Amino acid sequence: MQFTVGVHHGPDFLLVVCTGPADIADQYAVVDLIARLAEMRGYRRALLDLTGAEPDLAFSDHLQVGGYIAEKLAGLDRVASVVQGKFRSGTSEKAAQKQGLRLRTFTELDEAQEWLAQP
């Protein structure tokens, strides 16, 4: 199985959907894609749907990814990610929040969309 990325341009936020096995390099590439698209298209909010992805990250990788997300997406107002419950550790989320990014991780897509819609 391969790692795939799909981009959906919505009126209120950028949606990036990932499927397949994902290592730290894949995670960084997706963050770079979100940062570039947000900058070029003027998005202030982004949703990363990882429910179809199977991350292969060590604890230290989660910390690094969280810091990278905070650095690259610092200009966004809100960032939501959605993961399968079995992959929800909160490590990347906490690392990004500690650096000031309004990032929340969810296990349900509709909850993430509702949070992104809040003022």
Protein backbone atom coordinates (compact mmCIF):
# COMPACT_ATOMS: atom_id res chain seq x y z
CA MET A 1 0.00 0.00 0.00
CA GLN A 2 1.23 3.50 -0.74
CA PHE A 3 0.85 6.80 1.10
CA THR A 4 -1.53 9.10 -0.76
CA VAL A 5 -2.57 12.70 -0.22
CA GLY A 6 -5.72 14.39 -1.48
CA VAL A 7 -6.44 18.10 -1.32
CA HIS A 8 -9.92 19.62 -1.12
CA HIS A 9 -10.32 23.38 -1.31
CA GLY A 10 -13.29 24.46 0.78
CA PRO A 11 -14.70 27.91 1.32
CA ASP A 12 -13.82 27.95 5.03
CA PHE A 13 -10.77 25.73 5.38
CA LEU A 14 -8.26 23.59 3.55
CA LEU A 15 -8.88 19.85 3.85
CA VAL A 16 -6.01 17.42 3.30
CA VAL A 17 -6.84 13.71 3.36
CA CYS A 18 -4.08 11.12 3.78
CA THR A 19 -4.25 7.35 3.43
CA GLY A 20 -1.78 4.51 3.76
CA PRO A 21 1.37 3.92 5.80
CA ALA A 22 3.08 7.16 6.86
CA ASP A 23 6.51 7.73 8.37
CA ILE A 24 7.97 10.97 9.70
CA ALA A 25 9.08 12.14 6.23
CA ASP A 26 5.52 11.72 4.94
CA GLN A 27 4.20 13.71 7.90
CA TYR A 28 6.66 16.55 7.28
CA ALA A 29 5.77 16.62 3.57
CA VAL A 30 2.06 16.95 4.34
CA VAL A 31 2.74 19.80 6.76
CA ASP A 32 4.82 21.54 4.08
CA LEU A 33 1.98 21.09 1.59
CA ILE A 34 -0.56 22.58 4.00
CA ALA A 35 1.72 25.52 4.79
CA ARG A 36 2.32 26.30 1.11
CA LEU A 37 -1.32 25.99 0.07
CA ALA A 38 -2.51 28.05 3.03
CA GLU A 39 -0.02 30.78 2.16
CA MET A 40 -0.83 30.81 -1.55
CA ARG A 41 -4.61 30.54 -1.21
CA GLY A 42 -5.07 32.60 1.95
CA TYR A 43 -6.43 29.86 4.18
CA ARG A 44 -6.55 30.65 7.90
CA ARG A 45 -7.74 27.18 8.95
CA ALA A 46 -6.81 23.65 7.94
CA LEU A 47 -8.09 20.14 8.58
CA LEU A 48 -5.81 17.14 8.24
CA ASP A 49 -7.78 13.91 7.90
CA LEU A 50 -5.53 11.00 8.83
CA THR A 51 -8.30 8.48 9.50
CA GLY A 52 -7.14 6.40 6.54
CA ALA A 53 -3.46 6.68 7.44
CA GLU A 54 -1.36 4.31 9.47
CA PRO A 55 1.44 6.33 11.07
CA ASP A 56 4.68 4.61 11.98
CA LEU A 57 6.13 7.08 14.46
CA ALA A 58 8.17 6.65 17.62
CA PHE A 59 7.44 8.84 20.63
CA SER A 60 10.30 11.19 19.73
CA ASP A 61 8.96 11.41 16.16
CA HIS A 62 5.61 12.60 17.50
CA LEU A 63 7.38 15.35 19.44
CA GLN A 64 9.34 16.39 16.35
CA VAL A 65 6.24 16.42 14.15
CA GLY A 66 4.37 18.54 16.71
CA GLY A 67 7.18 21.08 16.77
CA TYR A 68 7.38 21.11 12.99
CA ILE A 69 3.63 21.65 12.68
CA ALA A 70 3.80 24.56 15.14
CA GLU A 71 6.66 26.15 13.21
CA LYS A 72 5.27 25.72 9.69
CA LEU A 73 1.60 26.44 10.43
CA ALA A 74 2.11 29.27 12.92
CA GLY A 75 0.27 31.71 10.64
CA LEU A 76 -2.98 29.75 10.77
CA ASP A 77 -5.77 30.54 13.23
CA ARG A 78 -6.77 26.92 13.81
CA VAL A 79 -5.56 23.50 12.71
CA ALA A 80 -7.48 20.29 13.32
CA SER A 81 -6.33 16.73 12.74
CA VAL A 82 -8.43 13.59 12.78
CA VAL A 83 -6.91 10.19 13.49
CA GLN A 84 -8.10 6.68 14.24
CA GLY A 85 -8.66 6.21 17.97
CA LYS A 86 -5.91 3.60 18.21
CA PHE A 87 -3.37 6.16 16.95
CA ARG A 88 -4.48 9.02 19.22
CA SER A 89 -1.66 9.70 21.68
CA GLY A 90 -1.85 13.49 21.99
CA THR A 91 1.94 13.85 21.89
CA SER A 92 2.17 15.83 18.62
CA GLU A 93 -0.85 17.89 19.63
CA LYS A 94 0.63 18.88 22.99
CA ALA A 95 4.01 19.67 21.46
CA ALA A 96 2.40 22.00 18.91
CA GLN A 97 0.15 23.63 21.51
CA LYS A 98 3.13 24.24 23.79
CA GLN A 99 4.66 26.29 20.97
CA GLY A 100 1.47 28.35 20.60
CA LEU A 101 -0.40 26.70 17.72
CA ARG A 102 -4.15 26.27 18.09
CA LEU A 103 -4.11 22.59 17.11
CA ARG A 104 -6.60 19.99 18.26
CA THR A 105 -6.69 16.33 17.41
CA PHE A 106 -9.99 14.48 17.08
CA THR A 107 -11.16 10.96 16.32
CA GLU A 108 -14.38 12.12 14.61
CA LEU A 109 -14.37 14.24 11.45
CA ASP A 110 -17.60 16.08 12.26
CA GLU A 111 -16.23 17.19 15.66
CA ALA A 112 -13.12 18.59 13.99
CA GLN A 113 -15.22 20.47 11.44
CA GLU A 114 -17.40 21.93 14.19
CA TRP A 115 -14.33 23.12 16.11
CA LEU A 116 -12.87 24.72 12.98
CA ALA A 117 -16.15 26.55 12.35
CA GLN A 118 -16.09 28.27 15.74
CA PRO A 119 -15.12 31.96 15.77
